[in-house]
Every structure is written in C-alpha cells, then in structure tokens.
Amino acid sequence: MTIVRTQAEYRSALREIEYLWGSEPDTDEGKQLKEYLLAVDRYEQLSNEAPVKLRTA
C-alpha cells in the first residue's frame, strides 16, 4: 500500500504516476499506477493540496 504523507512524497508519487501512465490495468505496473493515484487523491483531499499539472510531452 502506498501512502503519501509529505510534499516530497506527493511530488515523488506524481513522478511515478507520470512514469506508469498508460500501463495496462491487469499488470503489476497498472496496479502500481492505481495505488499511486489513490494515494495522491487521498493526500490532496486531506491536505487541501491543489492538484499539480503533470508535464506534457
């Protein structure tokens, strides 16, 4: 289970989401992506952190 508690962990989780984006749902990477998405969502709700716009390629 991934838990985001700090701003540094939040930014790290966003980088992982960006890296894993597009992974197939039934793969280990897809499961990791879902975990990070949920953790970031929880962090944003609890900390009133504004969602950060991910870089566009």
PDB file of N, CA and C in Angstrom:
ATOM      1  N   MET A   1       0.840  -1.182   0.000  1.00  0.00           N
ATOM      2  CA  MET A   1       0.000   0.000   0.000  1.00  0.00           C
ATOM      3  C   MET A   1       0.886   1.248   0.000  1.00  0.00           C
ATOM      4  N   THR A   2       0.557   2.171  -0.851  1.00  0.00           N
ATOM      5  CA  THR A   2       1.306   3.411  -0.956  1.00  0.00           C
ATOM      6  C   THR A   2       0.592   4.491  -0.149  1.00  0.00           C
ATOM      7  N   ILE A   3       1.366   5.195   0.683  1.00  0.00           N
ATOM      8  CA  ILE A   3       0.822   6.285   1.479  1.00  0.00           C
ATOM      9  C   ILE A   3       1.671   7.530   1.223  1.00  0.00           C
ATOM     10  N   VAL A   4       0.994   8.645   0.975  1.00  0.00           N
ATOM     11  CA  VAL A   4       1.667   9.912   0.750  1.00  0.00           C
ATOM     12  C   VAL A   4       1.407  10.791   1.967  1.00  0.00           C
ATOM     13  N   ARG A   5       2.492  11.171   2.661  1.00  0.00           N
ATOM     14  CA  ARG A   5       2.351  11.949   3.893  1.00  0.00           C
ATOM     15  C   ARG A   5       2.940  13.354   3.804  1.00  0.00           C
ATOM     16  N   THR A   6       3.886  13.550   2.908  1.00  0.00           N
ATOM     17  CA  THR A   6       4.586  14.827   2.836  1.00  0.00           C
ATOM     18  C   THR A   6       4.556  15.383   1.410  1.00  0.00           C
ATOM     19  N   GLN A   7       4.928  16.651   1.299  1.00  0.00           N
ATOM     20  CA  GLN A   7       5.005  17.284  -0.018  1.00  0.00           C
ATOM     21  C   GLN A   7       6.020  16.559  -0.903  1.00  0.00           C
ATOM     22  N   ALA A   8       7.132  16.129  -0.331  1.00  0.00           N
ATOM     23  CA  ALA A   8       8.159  15.411  -1.100  1.00  0.00           C
ATOM     24  C   ALA A   8       7.617  14.070  -1.605  1.00  0.00           C
ATOM     25  N   GLU A   9       6.901  13.359  -0.755  1.00  0.00           N
ATOM     26  CA  GLU A   9       6.307  12.080  -1.173  1.00  0.00           C
ATOM     27  C   GLU A   9       5.236  12.311  -2.233  1.00  0.00           C
ATOM     28  N   TYR A  10       4.516  13.414  -2.099  1.00  0.00           N
ATOM     29  CA  TYR A  10       3.492  13.779  -3.075  1.00  0.00           C
ATOM     30  C   TYR A  10       4.115  13.985  -4.456  1.00  0.00           C
ATOM     31  N   ARG A  11       5.166  14.779  -4.499  1.00  0.00           N
ATOM     32  CA  ARG A  11       5.844  15.033  -5.785  1.00  0.00           C
ATOM     33  C   ARG A  11       6.441  13.745  -6.362  1.00  0.00           C
ATOM     34  N   SER A  12       6.994  12.915  -5.512  1.00  0.00           N
ATOM     35  CA  SER A  12       7.549  11.635  -5.949  1.00  0.00           C
ATOM     36  C   SER A  12       6.452  10.742  -6.527  1.00  0.00           C
ATOM     37  N   ALA A  13       5.315  10.719  -5.864  1.00  0.00           N
ATOM     38  CA  ALA A  13       4.190   9.912  -6.343  1.00  0.00           C
ATOM     39  C   ALA A  13       3.706  10.424  -7.699  1.00  0.00           C
ATOM     40  N   LEU A  14       3.687  11.731  -7.874  1.00  0.00           N
ATOM     41  CA  LEU A  14       3.284  12.289  -9.171  1.00  0.00           C
ATOM     42  C   LEU A  14       4.250  11.868 -10.279  1.00  0.00           C
ATOM     43  N   ARG A  15       5.538  11.823  -9.959  1.00  0.00           N
ATOM     44  CA  ARG A  15       6.523  11.365 -10.959  1.00  0.00           C
ATOM     45  C   ARG A  15       6.290   9.892 -11.304  1.00  0.00           C
ATOM     46  N   GLU A  16       5.975   9.085 -10.296  1.00  0.00           N
ATOM     47  CA  GLU A  16       5.693   7.664 -10.546  1.00  0.00           C
ATOM     48  C   GLU A  16       4.446   7.505 -11.405  1.00  0.00           C
ATOM     49  N   ILE A  17       3.419   8.311 -11.141  1.00  0.00           N
ATOM     50  CA  ILE A  17       2.192   8.267 -11.939  1.00  0.00           C
ATOM     51  C   ILE A  17       2.504   8.602 -13.389  1.00  0.00           C
ATOM     52  N   GLU A  18       3.304   9.628 -13.581  1.00  0.00           N
ATOM     53  CA  GLU A  18       3.681  10.024 -14.939  1.00  0.00           C
ATOM     54  C   GLU A  18       4.426   8.883 -15.649  1.00  0.00           C
ATOM     55  N   TYR A  19       5.327   8.227 -14.926  1.00  0.00           N
ATOM     56  CA  TYR A  19       6.098   7.124 -15.496  1.00  0.00           C
ATOM     57  C   TYR A  19       5.195   5.927 -15.841  1.00  0.00           C
ATOM     58  N   LEU A  20       4.241   5.629 -14.966  1.00  0.00           N
ATOM     59  CA  LEU A  20       3.395   4.440 -15.133  1.00  0.00           C
ATOM     60  C   LEU A  20       2.168   4.687 -16.008  1.00  0.00           C
ATOM     61  N   TRP A  21       1.926   5.963 -16.354  1.00  0.00           N
ATOM     62  CA  TRP A  21       0.733   6.308 -17.113  1.00  0.00           C
ATOM     63  C   TRP A  21       0.643   5.476 -18.389  1.00  0.00           C
ATOM     64  N   GLY A  22      -0.513   4.919 -18.669  1.00  0.00           N
ATOM     65  CA  GLY A  22      -0.715   4.123 -19.874  1.00  0.00           C
ATOM     66  C   GLY A  22      -0.492   2.643 -19.666  1.00  0.00           C
ATOM     67  N   SER A  23      -0.137   2.250 -18.446  1.00  0.00           N
ATOM     68  CA  SER A  23       0.073   0.827 -18.150  1.00  0.00           C
ATOM     69  C   SER A  23      -1.250   0.083 -18.244  1.00  0.00           C
ATOM     70  N   GLU A  24      -1.176  -1.151 -18.676  1.00  0.00           N
ATOM     71  CA  GLU A  24      -2.372  -1.990 -18.757  1.00  0.00           C
ATOM     72  C   GLU A  24      -2.866  -2.305 -17.345  1.00  0.00           C
ATOM     73  N   PRO A  25      -4.181  -2.251 -17.118  1.00  0.00           N
ATOM     74  CA  PRO A  25      -4.736  -2.435 -15.772  1.00  0.00           C
ATOM     75  C   PRO A  25      -4.391  -3.767 -15.097  1.00  0.00           C
ATOM     76  N   ASP A  26      -4.294  -4.827 -15.853  1.00  0.00           N
ATOM     77  CA  ASP A  26      -4.068  -6.158 -15.264  1.00  0.00           C
ATOM     78  C   ASP A  26      -2.600  -6.525 -15.131  1.00  0.00           C
ATOM     79  N   THR A  27      -1.720  -5.536 -15.141  1.00  0.00           N
ATOM     80  CA  THR A  27      -0.288  -5.784 -14.981  1.00  0.00           C
ATOM     81  C   THR A  27       0.163  -5.229 -13.632  1.00  0.00           C
ATOM     82  N   ASP A  28       1.354  -5.612 -13.208  1.00  0.00           N
ATOM     83  CA  ASP A  28       1.904  -5.066 -11.969  1.00  0.00           C
ATOM     84  C   ASP A  28       2.009  -3.544 -12.046  1.00  0.00           C
ATOM     85  N   GLU A  29       2.424  -3.045 -13.208  1.00  0.00           N
ATOM     86  CA  GLU A  29       2.553  -1.603 -13.381  1.00  0.00           C
ATOM     87  C   GLU A  29       1.191  -0.913 -13.289  1.00  0.00           C
ATOM     88  N   GLY A  30       0.178  -1.532 -13.859  1.00  0.00           N
ATOM     89  CA  GLY A  30      -1.170  -0.970 -13.798  1.00  0.00           C
ATOM     90  C   GLY A  30      -1.698  -0.930 -12.376  1.00  0.00           C
ATOM     91  N   LYS A  31      -1.385  -1.953 -11.613  1.00  0.00           N
ATOM     92  CA  LYS A  31      -1.798  -1.993 -10.208  1.00  0.00           C
ATOM     93  C   LYS A  31      -1.059  -0.930  -9.399  1.00  0.00           C
ATOM     94  N   GLN A  32       0.223  -0.744  -9.691  1.00  0.00           N
ATOM     95  CA  GLN A  32       1.001   0.306  -9.021  1.00  0.00           C
ATOM     96  C   GLN A  32       0.427   1.682  -9.347  1.00  0.00           C
ATOM     97  N   LEU A  33       0.079   1.888 -10.611  1.00  0.00           N
ATOM     98  CA  LEU A  33      -0.493   3.161 -11.036  1.00  0.00           C
ATOM     99  C   LEU A  33      -1.767   3.459 -10.248  1.00  0.00           C
ATOM    100  N   LYS A  34      -2.638   2.477 -10.135  1.00  0.00           N
ATOM    101  CA  LYS A  34      -3.887   2.666  -9.396  1.00  0.00           C
ATOM    102  C   LYS A  34      -3.602   3.027  -7.936  1.00  0.00           C
ATOM    103  N   GLU A  35      -2.621   2.340  -7.341  1.00  0.00           N
ATOM    104  CA  GLU A  35      -2.249   2.607  -5.949  1.00  0.00           C
ATOM    105  C   GLU A  35      -1.756   4.046  -5.766  1.00  0.00           C
ATOM    106  N   TYR A  36      -0.885   4.487  -6.660  1.00  0.00           N
ATOM    107  CA  TYR A  36      -0.373   5.858  -6.590  1.00  0.00           C
ATOM    108  C   TYR A  36      -1.492   6.880  -6.809  1.00  0.00           C
ATOM    109  N   LEU A  37      -2.388   6.614  -7.743  1.00  0.00           N
ATOM    110  CA  LEU A  37      -3.494   7.531  -7.990  1.00  0.00           C
ATOM    111  C   LEU A  37      -4.373   7.682  -6.753  1.00  0.00           C
ATOM    112  N   LEU A  38      -4.671   6.576  -6.104  1.00  0.00           N
ATOM    113  CA  LEU A  38      -5.483   6.621  -4.887  1.00  0.00           C
ATOM    114  C   LEU A  38      -4.767   7.364  -3.760  1.00  0.00           C
ATOM    115  N   ALA A  39      -3.472   7.100  -3.609  1.00  0.00           N
ATOM    116  CA  ALA A  39      -2.692   7.747  -2.552  1.00  0.00           C
ATOM    117  C   ALA A  39      -2.616   9.254  -2.762  1.00  0.00           C
ATOM    118  N   VAL A  40      -2.403   9.673  -3.997  1.00  0.00           N
ATOM    119  CA  VAL A  40      -2.334  11.101  -4.309  1.00  0.00           C
ATOM    120  C   VAL A  40      -3.694  11.752  -4.084  1.00  0.00           C
ATOM    121  N   ASP A  41      -4.745  11.082  -4.494  1.00  0.00           N
ATOM    122  CA  ASP A  41      -6.091  11.610  -4.281  1.00  0.00           C
ATOM    123  C   ASP A  41      -6.374  11.797  -2.792  1.00  0.00           C
ATOM    124  N   ARG A  42      -6.034  10.811  -1.975  1.00  0.00           N
ATOM    125  CA  ARG A  42      -6.229  10.922  -0.524  1.00  0.00           C
ATOM    126  C   ARG A  42      -5.420  12.083   0.044  1.00  0.00           C
ATOM    127  N   TYR A  43      -4.167  12.197  -0.381  1.00  0.00           N
ATOM    128  CA  TYR A  43      -3.318  13.285   0.106  1.00  0.00           C
ATOM    129  C   TYR A  43      -3.913  14.645  -0.243  1.00  0.00           C
ATOM    130  N   GLU A  44      -4.369  14.800  -1.491  1.00  0.00           N
ATOM    131  CA  GLU A  44      -4.939  16.070  -1.924  1.00  0.00           C
ATOM    132  C   GLU A  44      -6.200  16.411  -1.130  1.00  0.00           C
ATOM    133  N   GLN A  45      -7.011  15.418  -0.823  1.00  0.00           N
ATOM    134  CA  GLN A  45      -8.231  15.656  -0.050  1.00  0.00           C
ATOM    135  C   GLN A  45      -7.916  16.045   1.387  1.00  0.00           C
ATOM    136  N   LEU A  46      -6.960  15.366   1.991  1.00  0.00           N
ATOM    137  CA  LEU A  46      -6.645  15.609   3.397  1.00  0.00           C
ATOM    138  C   LEU A  46      -5.816  16.872   3.618  1.00  0.00           C
ATOM    139  N   SER A  47      -4.998  17.238   2.667  1.00  0.00           N
ATOM    140  CA  SER A  47      -4.100  18.371   2.856  1.00  0.00           C
ATOM    141  C   SER A  47      -4.586  19.638   2.169  1.00  0.00           C
ATOM    142  N   ASN A  48      -5.702  19.534   1.462  1.00  0.00           N
ATOM    143  CA  ASN A  48      -6.197  20.654   0.664  1.00  0.00           C
ATOM    144  C   ASN A  48      -5.159  21.101  -0.358  1.00  0.00           C
ATOM    145  N   GLU A  49      -4.316  20.173  -0.765  1.00  0.00           N
ATOM    146  CA  GLU A  49      -3.288  20.436  -1.782  1.00  0.00           C
ATOM    147  C   GLU A  49      -3.970  20.529  -3.143  1.00  0.00           C
ATOM    148  N   ALA A  50      -3.666  21.572  -3.877  1.00  0.00           N
ATOM    149  CA  ALA A  50      -4.206  21.713  -5.223  1.00  0.00           C
ATOM    150  C   ALA A  50      -3.519  20.703  -6.131  1.00  0.00           C
ATOM    151  N   PRO A  51      -4.281  20.019  -6.969  1.00  0.00           N
ATOM    152  CA  PRO A  51      -3.644  19.084  -7.896  1.00  0.00           C
ATOM    153  C   PRO A  51      -2.591  19.781  -8.756  1.00  0.00           C
ATOM    154  N   VAL A  52      -1.483  19.093  -8.954  1.00  0.00           N
ATOM    155  CA  VAL A  52      -0.388  19.634  -9.752  1.00  0.00           C
ATOM    156  C   VAL A  52      -0.550  19.169 -11.187  1.00  0.00           C
ATOM    157  N   LYS A  53      -0.396  20.083 -12.110  1.00  0.00           N
ATOM    158  CA  LYS A  53      -0.482  19.733 -13.524  1.00  0.00           C
ATOM    159  C   LYS A  53       0.776  18.968 -13.909  1.00  0.00           C
ATOM    160  N   LEU A  54       0.585  17.791 -14.512  1.00  0.00           N
ATOM    161  CA  LEU A  54       1.715  16.994 -14.965  1.00  0.00           C
ATOM    162  C   LEU A  54       2.286  17.591 -16.244  1.00  0.00           C
ATOM    163  N   ARG A  55       3.574  17.357 -16.416  1.00  0.00           N
ATOM    164  CA  ARG A  55       4.223  17.848 -17.633  1.00  0.00           C
ATOM    165  C   ARG A  55       3.596  17.195 -18.862  1.00  0.00           C
ATOM    166  N   THR A  56       3.565  17.921 -19.943  1.00  0.00           N
ATOM    167  CA  THR A  56       3.108  17.348 -21.208  1.00  0.00           C
ATOM    168  C   THR A  56       4.317  17.168 -22.104  1.00  0.00           C
ATOM    169  N   ALA A  57       4.330  16.063 -22.788  1.00  0.00           N
ATOM    170  CA  ALA A  57       5.484  15.751 -23.636  1.00  0.00           C
ATOM    171  C   ALA A  57       5.376  16.427 -24.973  1.00  0.00           C
TER     172      ALA A  57
END
